[in-house]
């Protein structure tokens, strides 16, 4: 199964609470943090919620 590398590029300060919670659920704590997650619908939904704060790359 393919994987997604999610990297936080912008701060969550001033954002909505659900966006801050989503970043934390993804495992991102600060700008520059990266995590590799399975490409699943749940993760895609979380990435969509914070798309303006993160960049996403597909990793094999």
PDB file of N, CA and C in Angstrom:
ATOM      1  N   UNK A   1       0.843  -1.181   0.000  1.00  0.00           N
ATOM      2  CA  UNK A   1       0.000   0.000   0.000  1.00  0.00           C
ATOM      3  C   UNK A   1       0.889   1.244   0.000  1.00  0.00           C
ATOM      4  N   UNK A   2       0.486   2.264  -0.710  1.00  0.00           N
ATOM      5  CA  UNK A   2       1.293   3.478  -0.778  1.00  0.00           C
ATOM      6  C   UNK A   2       1.176   4.265   0.521  1.00  0.00           C
ATOM      7  N   UNK A   3       2.118   5.170   0.686  1.00  0.00           N
ATOM      8  CA  UNK A   3       2.161   5.976   1.895  1.00  0.00           C
ATOM      9  C   UNK A   3       2.245   7.444   1.532  1.00  0.00           C
ATOM     10  N   UNK A   4       1.869   8.292   2.487  1.00  0.00           N
ATOM     11  CA  UNK A   4       1.914   9.733   2.308  1.00  0.00           C
ATOM     12  C   UNK A   4       2.895  10.330   3.297  1.00  0.00           C
ATOM     13  N   UNK A   5       3.742  11.225   2.815  1.00  0.00           N
ATOM     14  CA  UNK A   5       4.619  11.984   3.695  1.00  0.00           C
ATOM     15  C   UNK A   5       3.990  13.358   3.861  1.00  0.00           C
ATOM     16  N   UNK A   6       3.624  13.679   5.088  1.00  0.00           N
ATOM     17  CA  UNK A   6       2.945  14.936   5.391  1.00  0.00           C
ATOM     18  C   UNK A   6       3.916  15.814   6.169  1.00  0.00           C
ATOM     19  N   UNK A   7       4.141  17.034   5.684  1.00  0.00           N
ATOM     20  CA  UNK A   7       5.067  17.971   6.312  1.00  0.00           C
ATOM     21  C   UNK A   7       4.336  19.262   6.646  1.00  0.00           C
ATOM     22  N   UNK A   8       4.474  19.715   7.896  1.00  0.00           N
ATOM     23  CA  UNK A   8       3.829  20.967   8.300  1.00  0.00           C
ATOM     24  C   UNK A   8       4.656  22.136   7.796  1.00  0.00           C
ATOM     25  N   UNK A   9       4.013  23.056   7.076  1.00  0.00           N
ATOM     26  CA  UNK A   9       4.707  24.202   6.501  1.00  0.00           C
ATOM     27  C   UNK A   9       4.308  25.524   7.131  1.00  0.00           C
ATOM     28  N   UNK A  10       3.133  25.577   7.756  1.00  0.00           N
ATOM     29  CA  UNK A  10       2.664  26.819   8.366  1.00  0.00           C
ATOM     30  C   UNK A  10       2.219  26.544   9.793  1.00  0.00           C
ATOM     31  N   UNK A  11       2.158  27.613  10.570  1.00  0.00           N
ATOM     32  CA  UNK A  11       1.771  27.505  11.965  1.00  0.00           C
ATOM     33  C   UNK A  11       0.261  27.370  12.109  1.00  0.00           C
ATOM     34  N   UNK A  12      -0.148  26.703  13.175  1.00  0.00           N
ATOM     35  CA  UNK A  12      -1.575  26.550  13.473  1.00  0.00           C
ATOM     36  C   UNK A  12      -2.074  27.670  14.381  1.00  0.00           C
ATOM     37  N   UNK A  13      -1.196  28.577  14.781  1.00  0.00           N
ATOM     38  CA  UNK A  13      -1.607  29.688  15.642  1.00  0.00           C
ATOM     39  C   UNK A  13      -2.630  30.529  14.900  1.00  0.00           C
ATOM     40  N   UNK A  14      -3.720  30.825  15.553  1.00  0.00           N
ATOM     41  CA  UNK A  14      -4.778  31.624  14.941  1.00  0.00           C
ATOM     42  C   UNK A  14      -5.754  30.795  14.139  1.00  0.00           C
ATOM     43  N   UNK A  15      -5.491  29.510  14.017  1.00  0.00           N
ATOM     44  CA  UNK A  15      -6.394  28.630  13.281  1.00  0.00           C
ATOM     45  C   UNK A  15      -7.510  28.123  14.172  1.00  0.00           C
ATOM     46  N   UNK A  16      -8.409  27.408  13.566  1.00  0.00           N
ATOM     47  CA  UNK A  16      -9.527  26.854  14.322  1.00  0.00           C
ATOM     48  C   UNK A  16      -9.054  25.679  15.174  1.00  0.00           C
ATOM     49  N   UNK A  17      -9.794  25.414  16.233  1.00  0.00           N
ATOM     50  CA  UNK A  17      -9.421  24.347  17.163  1.00  0.00           C
ATOM     51  C   UNK A  17      -9.393  22.988  16.468  1.00  0.00           C
ATOM     52  N   UNK A  18     -10.350  22.737  15.564  1.00  0.00           N
ATOM     53  CA  UNK A  18     -10.358  21.430  14.901  1.00  0.00           C
ATOM     54  C   UNK A  18      -9.135  21.254  14.006  1.00  0.00           C
ATOM     55  N   UNK A  19      -8.607  22.336  13.452  1.00  0.00           N
ATOM     56  CA  UNK A  19      -7.403  22.237  12.634  1.00  0.00           C
ATOM     57  C   UNK A  19      -6.179  21.950  13.497  1.00  0.00           C
ATOM     58  N   UNK A  20      -6.103  22.576  14.663  1.00  0.00           N
ATOM     59  CA  UNK A  20      -4.992  22.292  15.591  1.00  0.00           C
ATOM     60  C   UNK A  20      -5.060  20.847  16.066  1.00  0.00           C
ATOM     61  N   UNK A  21      -6.271  20.381  16.367  1.00  0.00           N
ATOM     62  CA  UNK A  21      -6.437  18.995  16.811  1.00  0.00           C
ATOM     63  C   UNK A  21      -6.067  18.013  15.707  1.00  0.00           C
ATOM     64  N   UNK A  22      -6.401  18.348  14.461  1.00  0.00           N
ATOM     65  CA  UNK A  22      -6.080  17.479  13.334  1.00  0.00           C
ATOM     66  C   UNK A  22      -4.572  17.376  13.140  1.00  0.00           C
ATOM     67  N   UNK A  23      -3.875  18.489  13.244  1.00  0.00           N
ATOM     68  CA  UNK A  23      -2.412  18.450  13.135  1.00  0.00           C
ATOM     69  C   UNK A  23      -1.817  17.560  14.217  1.00  0.00           C
ATOM     70  N   UNK A  24      -2.334  17.677  15.426  1.00  0.00           N
ATOM     71  CA  UNK A  24      -1.822  16.859  16.532  1.00  0.00           C
ATOM     72  C   UNK A  24      -2.127  15.388  16.287  1.00  0.00           C
ATOM     73  N   UNK A  25      -3.307  15.096  15.738  1.00  0.00           N
ATOM     74  CA  UNK A  25      -3.681  13.706  15.449  1.00  0.00           C
ATOM     75  C   UNK A  25      -2.789  13.105  14.372  1.00  0.00           C
ATOM     76  N   UNK A  26      -2.351  13.939  13.452  1.00  0.00           N
ATOM     77  CA  UNK A  26      -1.429  13.466  12.424  1.00  0.00           C
ATOM     78  C   UNK A  26      -0.020  13.267  12.975  1.00  0.00           C
ATOM     79  N   UNK A  27       0.248  13.808  14.150  1.00  0.00           N
ATOM     80  CA  UNK A  27       1.568  13.670  14.755  1.00  0.00           C
ATOM     81  C   UNK A  27       2.481  14.846  14.473  1.00  0.00           C
ATOM     82  N   UNK A  28       1.910  15.960  14.043  1.00  0.00           N
ATOM     83  CA  UNK A  28       2.702  17.147  13.726  1.00  0.00           C
ATOM     84  C   UNK A  28       2.618  18.136  14.881  1.00  0.00           C
ATOM     85  N   UNK A  29       3.790  18.595  15.348  1.00  0.00           N
ATOM     86  CA  UNK A  29       3.815  19.491  16.500  1.00  0.00           C
ATOM     87  C   UNK A  29       4.364  20.864  16.164  1.00  0.00           C
ATOM     88  N   UNK A  30       5.237  20.940  15.171  1.00  0.00           N
ATOM     89  CA  UNK A  30       5.856  22.230  14.852  1.00  0.00           C
ATOM     90  C   UNK A  30       6.159  22.305  13.357  1.00  0.00           C
ATOM     91  N   UNK A  31       6.456  23.499  12.897  1.00  0.00           N
ATOM     92  CA  UNK A  31       6.781  23.715  11.492  1.00  0.00           C
ATOM     93  C   UNK A  31       8.034  22.909  11.148  1.00  0.00           C
ATOM     94  N   UNK A  32       7.971  22.207  10.031  1.00  0.00           N
ATOM     95  CA  UNK A  32       9.094  21.397   9.583  1.00  0.00           C
ATOM     96  C   UNK A  32       8.977  19.935   9.962  1.00  0.00           C
ATOM     97  N   UNK A  33       8.064  19.601  10.855  1.00  0.00           N
ATOM     98  CA  UNK A  33       7.855  18.198  11.221  1.00  0.00           C
ATOM     99  C   UNK A  33       7.275  17.426  10.049  1.00  0.00           C
ATOM    100  N   UNK A  34       7.712  16.180   9.895  1.00  0.00           N
ATOM    101  CA  UNK A  34       7.199  15.298   8.850  1.00  0.00           C
ATOM    102  C   UNK A  34       6.807  13.964   9.456  1.00  0.00           C
ATOM    103  N   UNK A  35       5.745  13.390   8.923  1.00  0.00           N
ATOM    104  CA  UNK A  35       5.324  12.054   9.319  1.00  0.00           C
ATOM    105  C   UNK A  35       4.963  11.282   8.058  1.00  0.00           C
ATOM    106  N   UNK A  36       5.114   9.965   8.128  1.00  0.00           N
ATOM    107  CA  UNK A  36       4.725   9.098   7.019  1.00  0.00           C
ATOM    108  C   UNK A  36       3.535   8.276   7.490  1.00  0.00           C
ATOM    109  N   UNK A  37       2.432   8.379   6.770  1.00  0.00           N
ATOM    110  CA  UNK A  37       1.192   7.689   7.127  1.00  0.00           C
ATOM    111  C   UNK A  37       0.734   6.825   5.960  1.00  0.00           C
ATOM    112  N   UNK A  38      -0.029   5.777   6.280  1.00  0.00           N
ATOM    113  CA  UNK A  38      -0.637   4.949   5.241  1.00  0.00           C
ATOM    114  C   UNK A  38      -1.639   5.785   4.450  1.00  0.00           C
ATOM    115  N   UNK A  39      -1.739   5.539   3.164  1.00  0.00           N
ATOM    116  CA  UNK A  39      -2.685   6.264   2.304  1.00  0.00           C
ATOM    117  C   UNK A  39      -4.065   5.639   2.478  1.00  0.00           C
ATOM    118  N   UNK A  40      -4.794   6.155   3.457  1.00  0.00           N
ATOM    119  CA  UNK A  40      -6.131   5.654   3.785  1.00  0.00           C
ATOM    120  C   UNK A  40      -7.114   6.810   3.712  1.00  0.00           C
ATOM    121  N   UNK A  41      -8.387   6.519   3.524  1.00  0.00           N
ATOM    122  CA  UNK A  41      -9.389   7.595   3.443  1.00  0.00           C
ATOM    123  C   UNK A  41      -9.414   8.485   4.687  1.00  0.00           C
ATOM    124  N   UNK A  42      -9.174   7.910   5.870  1.00  0.00           N
ATOM    125  CA  UNK A  42      -9.195   8.695   7.095  1.00  0.00           C
ATOM    126  C   UNK A  42      -8.067   9.727   7.105  1.00  0.00           C
ATOM    127  N   UNK A  43      -6.898   9.298   6.673  1.00  0.00           N
ATOM    128  CA  UNK A  43      -5.748  10.200   6.640  1.00  0.00           C
ATOM    129  C   UNK A  43      -5.942  11.251   5.563  1.00  0.00           C
ATOM    130  N   UNK A  44      -6.482  10.857   4.417  1.00  0.00           N
ATOM    131  CA  UNK A  44      -6.752  11.831   3.350  1.00  0.00           C
ATOM    132  C   UNK A  44      -7.716  12.912   3.828  1.00  0.00           C
ATOM    133  N   UNK A  45      -8.711  12.525   4.614  1.00  0.00           N
ATOM    134  CA  UNK A  45      -9.660  13.490   5.162  1.00  0.00           C
ATOM    135  C   UNK A  45      -8.996  14.465   6.110  1.00  0.00           C
ATOM    136  N   UNK A  46      -8.104  13.955   6.959  1.00  0.00           N
ATOM    137  CA  UNK A  46      -7.387  14.836   7.884  1.00  0.00           C
ATOM    138  C   UNK A  46      -6.488  15.801   7.113  1.00  0.00           C
ATOM    139  N   UNK A  47      -5.830  15.300   6.075  1.00  0.00           N
ATOM    140  CA  UNK A  47      -4.959  16.161   5.271  1.00  0.00           C
ATOM    141  C   UNK A  47      -5.782  17.244   4.569  1.00  0.00           C
ATOM    142  N   UNK A  48      -6.966  16.902   4.106  1.00  0.00           N
ATOM    143  CA  UNK A  48      -7.831  17.887   3.454  1.00  0.00           C
ATOM    144  C   UNK A  48      -8.212  19.002   4.420  1.00  0.00           C
ATOM    145  N   UNK A  49      -8.437  18.651   5.684  1.00  0.00           N
ATOM    146  CA  UNK A  49      -8.818  19.636   6.689  1.00  0.00           C
ATOM    147  C   UNK A  49      -7.726  20.682   6.893  1.00  0.00           C
ATOM    148  N   UNK A  50      -6.469  20.271   6.811  1.00  0.00           N
ATOM    149  CA  UNK A  50      -5.357  21.195   7.068  1.00  0.00           C
ATOM    150  C   UNK A  50      -4.490  21.378   5.822  1.00  0.00           C
ATOM    151  N   UNK A  51      -5.094  21.279   4.654  1.00  0.00           N
ATOM    152  CA  UNK A  51      -4.335  21.344   3.397  1.00  0.00           C
ATOM    153  C   UNK A  51      -3.553  22.634   3.240  1.00  0.00           C
ATOM    154  N   UNK A  52      -4.050  23.737   3.818  1.00  0.00           N
ATOM    155  CA  UNK A  52      -3.365  25.023   3.684  1.00  0.00           C
ATOM    156  C   UNK A  52      -2.166  25.140   4.633  1.00  0.00           C
ATOM    157  N   UNK A  53      -1.997  24.175   5.547  1.00  0.00           N
ATOM    158  CA  UNK A  53      -0.904  24.209   6.502  1.00  0.00           C
ATOM    159  C   UNK A  53       0.179  23.173   6.218  1.00  0.00           C
ATOM    160  N   UNK A  54      -0.095  22.217   5.337  1.00  0.00           N
ATOM    161  CA  UNK A  54       0.827  21.110   5.106  1.00  0.00           C
ATOM    162  C   UNK A  54       1.102  20.910   3.624  1.00  0.00           C
ATOM    163  N   UNK A  55       2.173  20.168   3.350  1.00  0.00           N
ATOM    164  CA  UNK A  55       2.420  19.673   1.995  1.00  0.00           C
ATOM    165  C   UNK A  55       2.417  18.154   2.061  1.00  0.00           C
ATOM    166  N   UNK A  56       1.991  17.525   0.967  1.00  0.00           N
ATOM    167  CA  UNK A  56       1.838  16.076   0.944  1.00  0.00           C
ATOM    168  C   UNK A  56       2.603  15.515  -0.251  1.00  0.00           C
ATOM    169  N   UNK A  57       3.361  14.434  -0.009  1.00  0.00           N
ATOM    170  CA  UNK A  57       4.079  13.732  -1.064  1.00  0.00           C
ATOM    171  C   UNK A  57       3.719  12.254  -0.964  1.00  0.00           C
ATOM    172  N   UNK A  58       3.613  11.597  -2.101  1.00  0.00           N
ATOM    173  CA  UNK A  58       3.403  10.159  -2.090  1.00  0.00           C
ATOM    174  C   UNK A  58       4.750   9.469  -2.026  1.00  0.00           C
ATOM    175  N   UNK A  59       4.859   8.485  -1.143  1.00  0.00           N
ATOM    176  CA  UNK A  59       6.096   7.738  -0.934  1.00  0.00           C
ATOM    177  C   UNK A  59       5.796   6.266  -1.171  1.00  0.00           C
ATOM    178  N   UNK A  60       6.712   5.587  -1.838  1.00  0.00           N
ATOM    179  CA  UNK A  60       6.514   4.149  -2.064  1.00  0.00           C
ATOM    180  C   UNK A  60       7.329   3.338  -1.087  1.00  0.00           C
TER     181      UNK A  60
END
